[in-house]
N, C-alpha and C. Protein backbone atom coordinates (compact mmCIF):
# COMPACT_ATOMS: atom_id res chain seq x y z
N MET A 1 15.74 129.45 -74.07
CA MET A 1 15.86 130.54 -73.14
C MET A 1 17.33 130.70 -72.78
N LYS A 2 17.77 131.93 -72.67
CA LYS A 2 19.17 132.25 -72.39
C LYS A 2 19.37 132.43 -70.89
N THR A 3 20.39 131.76 -70.34
CA THR A 3 20.76 131.93 -68.94
C THR A 3 21.73 133.09 -68.84
N ILE A 4 21.47 134.00 -67.88
CA ILE A 4 22.35 135.15 -67.69
C ILE A 4 22.76 135.27 -66.23
N THR A 5 23.84 136.00 -66.00
CA THR A 5 24.27 136.35 -64.66
C THR A 5 24.07 137.84 -64.50
N LEU A 6 23.47 138.24 -63.40
CA LEU A 6 23.10 139.63 -63.21
C LEU A 6 23.51 140.08 -61.81
N ASP A 7 24.23 141.19 -61.72
CA ASP A 7 24.60 141.76 -60.42
C ASP A 7 23.58 142.82 -60.04
N VAL A 8 22.94 142.65 -58.89
CA VAL A 8 21.99 143.63 -58.37
C VAL A 8 22.31 143.89 -56.91
N SER A 9 21.82 145.01 -56.42
CA SER A 9 22.05 145.33 -55.01
C SER A 9 21.30 144.33 -54.12
N GLU A 10 21.79 144.17 -52.91
CA GLU A 10 21.14 143.26 -51.96
C GLU A 10 19.70 143.70 -51.69
N LEU A 11 19.48 145.00 -51.61
CA LEU A 11 18.14 145.52 -51.34
C LEU A 11 17.17 145.16 -52.47
N VAL A 12 17.60 145.36 -53.71
CA VAL A 12 16.75 145.03 -54.86
C VAL A 12 16.45 143.53 -54.88
N TRP A 13 17.47 142.72 -54.68
CA TRP A 13 17.28 141.27 -54.68
C TRP A 13 16.32 140.83 -53.57
N ALA A 14 16.48 141.41 -52.38
CA ALA A 14 15.61 141.07 -51.25
C ALA A 14 14.16 141.46 -51.57
N ASP A 15 13.97 142.63 -52.18
CA ASP A 15 12.61 143.05 -52.53
C ASP A 15 11.98 142.09 -53.53
N PHE A 16 12.74 141.68 -54.54
CA PHE A 16 12.20 140.74 -55.53
C PHE A 16 11.89 139.39 -54.90
N GLN A 17 12.77 138.91 -54.04
CA GLN A 17 12.52 137.62 -53.39
C GLN A 17 11.29 137.68 -52.50
N ARG A 18 11.16 138.75 -51.73
CA ARG A 18 10.01 138.90 -50.84
C ARG A 18 8.72 138.95 -51.65
N TYR A 19 8.72 139.76 -52.69
CA TYR A 19 7.52 139.89 -53.51
C TYR A 19 7.19 138.56 -54.21
N ALA A 20 8.19 137.86 -54.67
CA ALA A 20 7.98 136.56 -55.32
C ALA A 20 7.32 135.58 -54.36
N ARG A 21 7.78 135.56 -53.11
CA ARG A 21 7.16 134.67 -52.11
C ARG A 21 5.70 135.05 -51.88
N GLU A 22 5.44 136.37 -51.79
CA GLU A 22 4.06 136.84 -51.57
C GLU A 22 3.15 136.43 -52.72
N GLN A 23 3.68 136.43 -53.92
CA GLN A 23 2.90 136.10 -55.11
C GLN A 23 2.93 134.61 -55.44
N ASP A 24 3.69 133.85 -54.67
CA ASP A 24 3.87 132.42 -54.90
C ASP A 24 4.37 132.16 -56.33
N ARG A 25 5.41 132.93 -56.69
CA ARG A 25 6.02 132.82 -58.02
C ARG A 25 7.54 132.78 -57.85
N PRO A 26 8.24 132.18 -58.79
CA PRO A 26 9.70 132.19 -58.73
C PRO A 26 10.24 133.61 -58.99
N THR A 27 11.32 133.95 -58.31
CA THR A 27 11.96 135.25 -58.50
C THR A 27 12.37 135.43 -59.96
N SER A 28 12.88 134.37 -60.56
CA SER A 28 13.32 134.46 -61.95
C SER A 28 12.16 134.84 -62.88
N GLU A 29 10.97 134.37 -62.57
CA GLU A 29 9.80 134.72 -63.39
C GLU A 29 9.50 136.22 -63.28
N LEU A 30 9.61 136.76 -62.06
CA LEU A 30 9.39 138.19 -61.89
C LEU A 30 10.43 139.01 -62.65
N LEU A 31 11.67 138.56 -62.62
CA LEU A 31 12.73 139.28 -63.33
C LEU A 31 12.51 139.22 -64.84
N ARG A 32 12.10 138.08 -65.35
CA ARG A 32 11.80 137.98 -66.78
C ARG A 32 10.65 138.91 -67.14
N GLU A 33 9.62 138.95 -66.30
CA GLU A 33 8.49 139.83 -66.54
C GLU A 33 8.92 141.30 -66.51
N ALA A 34 9.77 141.65 -65.54
CA ALA A 34 10.26 143.03 -65.44
C ALA A 34 11.08 143.40 -66.67
N MET A 35 11.90 142.48 -67.14
CA MET A 35 12.70 142.75 -68.33
C MET A 35 11.80 142.92 -69.55
N GLU A 36 10.77 142.11 -69.67
CA GLU A 36 9.86 142.22 -70.81
C GLU A 36 9.09 143.54 -70.77
N LEU A 37 8.65 143.96 -69.61
CA LEU A 37 7.96 145.24 -69.49
C LEU A 37 8.88 146.39 -69.88
N TYR A 38 10.13 146.32 -69.46
CA TYR A 38 11.11 147.35 -69.82
C TYR A 38 11.33 147.36 -71.33
N ARG A 39 11.45 146.18 -71.91
CA ARG A 39 11.66 146.06 -73.35
C ARG A 39 10.49 146.67 -74.12
N GLN A 40 9.27 146.37 -73.68
CA GLN A 40 8.09 146.88 -74.37
C GLN A 40 7.93 148.39 -74.22
N SER A 41 8.33 148.93 -73.09
CA SER A 41 8.12 150.37 -72.88
C SER A 41 9.29 151.23 -73.35
N ARG A 42 10.51 150.70 -73.35
CA ARG A 42 11.68 151.52 -73.66
C ARG A 42 12.41 151.11 -74.93
N ILE A 43 12.55 149.82 -75.17
CA ILE A 43 13.35 149.35 -76.30
C ILE A 43 12.49 149.22 -77.56
N ARG A 44 11.31 148.66 -77.41
CA ARG A 44 10.39 148.49 -78.54
C ARG A 44 9.01 149.03 -78.17
N PRO A 45 8.93 150.34 -77.96
CA PRO A 45 7.62 150.89 -77.55
C PRO A 45 6.61 150.75 -78.67
N PRO A 46 5.34 150.63 -78.30
CA PRO A 46 4.31 150.54 -79.34
C PRO A 46 4.26 151.83 -80.14
N ARG A 47 4.02 151.69 -81.42
CA ARG A 47 3.94 152.87 -82.28
C ARG A 47 2.48 153.16 -82.60
N SER A 48 2.20 154.41 -82.72
CA SER A 48 0.86 154.88 -83.04
C SER A 48 0.92 155.62 -84.37
N LEU A 49 -0.21 155.72 -85.03
CA LEU A 49 -0.27 156.52 -86.25
C LEU A 49 0.10 157.96 -85.95
N ARG A 50 -0.14 158.40 -84.74
CA ARG A 50 0.21 159.77 -84.35
C ARG A 50 1.72 159.98 -84.32
N ASP A 51 2.49 158.91 -84.20
CA ASP A 51 3.95 159.01 -84.17
C ASP A 51 4.55 159.18 -85.56
N LEU A 52 3.79 158.84 -86.59
CA LEU A 52 4.31 158.90 -87.95
C LEU A 52 4.37 160.33 -88.45
N LYS A 53 5.41 160.63 -89.17
CA LYS A 53 5.57 161.95 -89.77
C LYS A 53 4.81 161.98 -91.10
N PRO A 54 4.17 163.11 -91.41
CA PRO A 54 3.47 163.18 -92.70
C PRO A 54 4.46 163.14 -93.86
N SER A 55 4.03 162.57 -94.95
CA SER A 55 4.88 162.55 -96.14
C SER A 55 4.07 162.99 -97.34
N SER A 56 4.74 163.57 -98.29
CA SER A 56 4.06 164.06 -99.48
C SER A 56 3.92 162.92 -100.48
N LEU A 57 2.75 162.84 -101.08
CA LEU A 57 2.51 161.84 -102.11
C LEU A 57 2.43 162.49 -103.49
N GLY A 58 2.82 163.76 -103.56
CA GLY A 58 2.83 164.45 -104.84
C GLY A 58 1.69 165.44 -104.94
N ALA A 59 1.45 165.88 -106.15
CA ALA A 59 0.43 166.89 -106.41
C ALA A 59 -0.96 166.29 -106.28
N VAL A 60 -1.94 167.15 -106.00
CA VAL A 60 -3.34 166.75 -105.94
C VAL A 60 -3.81 166.45 -107.36
N LEU A 61 -4.36 165.28 -107.57
CA LEU A 61 -4.81 164.87 -108.90
C LEU A 61 -6.21 165.40 -109.20
N GLN A 62 -7.02 165.47 -108.16
CA GLN A 62 -8.40 165.90 -108.34
C GLN A 62 -8.83 166.60 -107.05
N PRO A 63 -9.48 167.74 -107.13
CA PRO A 63 -9.89 168.42 -105.90
C PRO A 63 -10.89 167.60 -105.11
N TRP A 64 -10.87 167.80 -103.81
CA TRP A 64 -11.79 167.09 -102.90
C TRP A 64 -13.20 167.53 -103.19
N SER A 65 -14.09 166.58 -103.37
CA SER A 65 -15.48 166.93 -103.68
C SER A 65 -16.43 166.55 -102.56
N GLY A 66 -15.92 166.07 -101.47
CA GLY A 66 -16.76 165.76 -100.32
C GLY A 66 -16.92 164.26 -100.08
N TRP A 67 -17.56 163.96 -98.98
CA TRP A 67 -17.71 162.57 -98.54
C TRP A 67 -18.60 161.75 -99.46
N GLY A 68 -19.60 162.39 -100.08
CA GLY A 68 -20.54 161.64 -100.91
C GLY A 68 -19.85 160.86 -102.01
N GLU A 69 -18.95 161.51 -102.72
CA GLU A 69 -18.24 160.83 -103.81
C GLU A 69 -17.34 159.73 -103.28
N LEU A 70 -16.72 159.98 -102.16
CA LEU A 70 -15.84 158.97 -101.57
C LEU A 70 -16.64 157.74 -101.18
N LEU A 71 -17.75 157.94 -100.48
CA LEU A 71 -18.58 156.81 -100.05
C LEU A 71 -19.18 156.08 -101.25
N GLU A 72 -19.58 156.85 -102.26
CA GLU A 72 -20.13 156.24 -103.47
C GLU A 72 -19.10 155.31 -104.11
N GLY A 73 -17.86 155.75 -104.17
CA GLY A 73 -16.80 154.92 -104.73
C GLY A 73 -16.54 153.67 -103.91
N LEU A 74 -16.69 153.77 -102.60
CA LEU A 74 -16.46 152.60 -101.74
C LEU A 74 -17.59 151.59 -101.85
N LEU A 75 -18.79 152.07 -102.12
CA LEU A 75 -19.94 151.18 -102.16
C LEU A 75 -20.20 150.56 -103.53
N GLU A 76 -19.50 151.03 -104.55
CA GLU A 76 -19.67 150.45 -105.88
C GLU A 76 -19.17 149.02 -105.88
N PRO A 77 -19.92 148.11 -106.54
CA PRO A 77 -19.43 146.72 -106.61
C PRO A 77 -18.14 146.67 -107.45
N LEU A 78 -17.26 145.77 -107.07
CA LEU A 78 -16.01 145.62 -107.79
C LEU A 78 -16.26 144.89 -109.10
N ASP A 79 -15.58 145.33 -110.13
CA ASP A 79 -15.67 144.68 -111.43
C ASP A 79 -14.66 143.53 -111.42
N PRO A 80 -15.10 142.28 -111.56
CA PRO A 80 -14.17 141.14 -111.49
C PRO A 80 -13.14 141.15 -112.63
N ARG A 81 -13.37 141.94 -113.67
CA ARG A 81 -12.41 142.00 -114.76
C ARG A 81 -11.22 142.88 -114.44
N ASP A 82 -11.31 143.69 -113.36
CA ASP A 82 -10.20 144.59 -113.00
C ASP A 82 -9.08 143.87 -112.32
């Protein structure tokens, strides 16, 4: 774990100390938790499939024939020789 020095306003520090006492937790633990929450929401936010941009995979090889053919292909047993 890395030790750091951090300058904060007296008001912010007092709020963290008061809250830490109320929660029976060390102030440093609250600050680490706050930093981790910030990191997760701003620096490394979770990505969703909705965030991905579509990309082209080339021309259509075979026209869509419906769900039946797709499901049939998924349910076929695998050939161990493949």
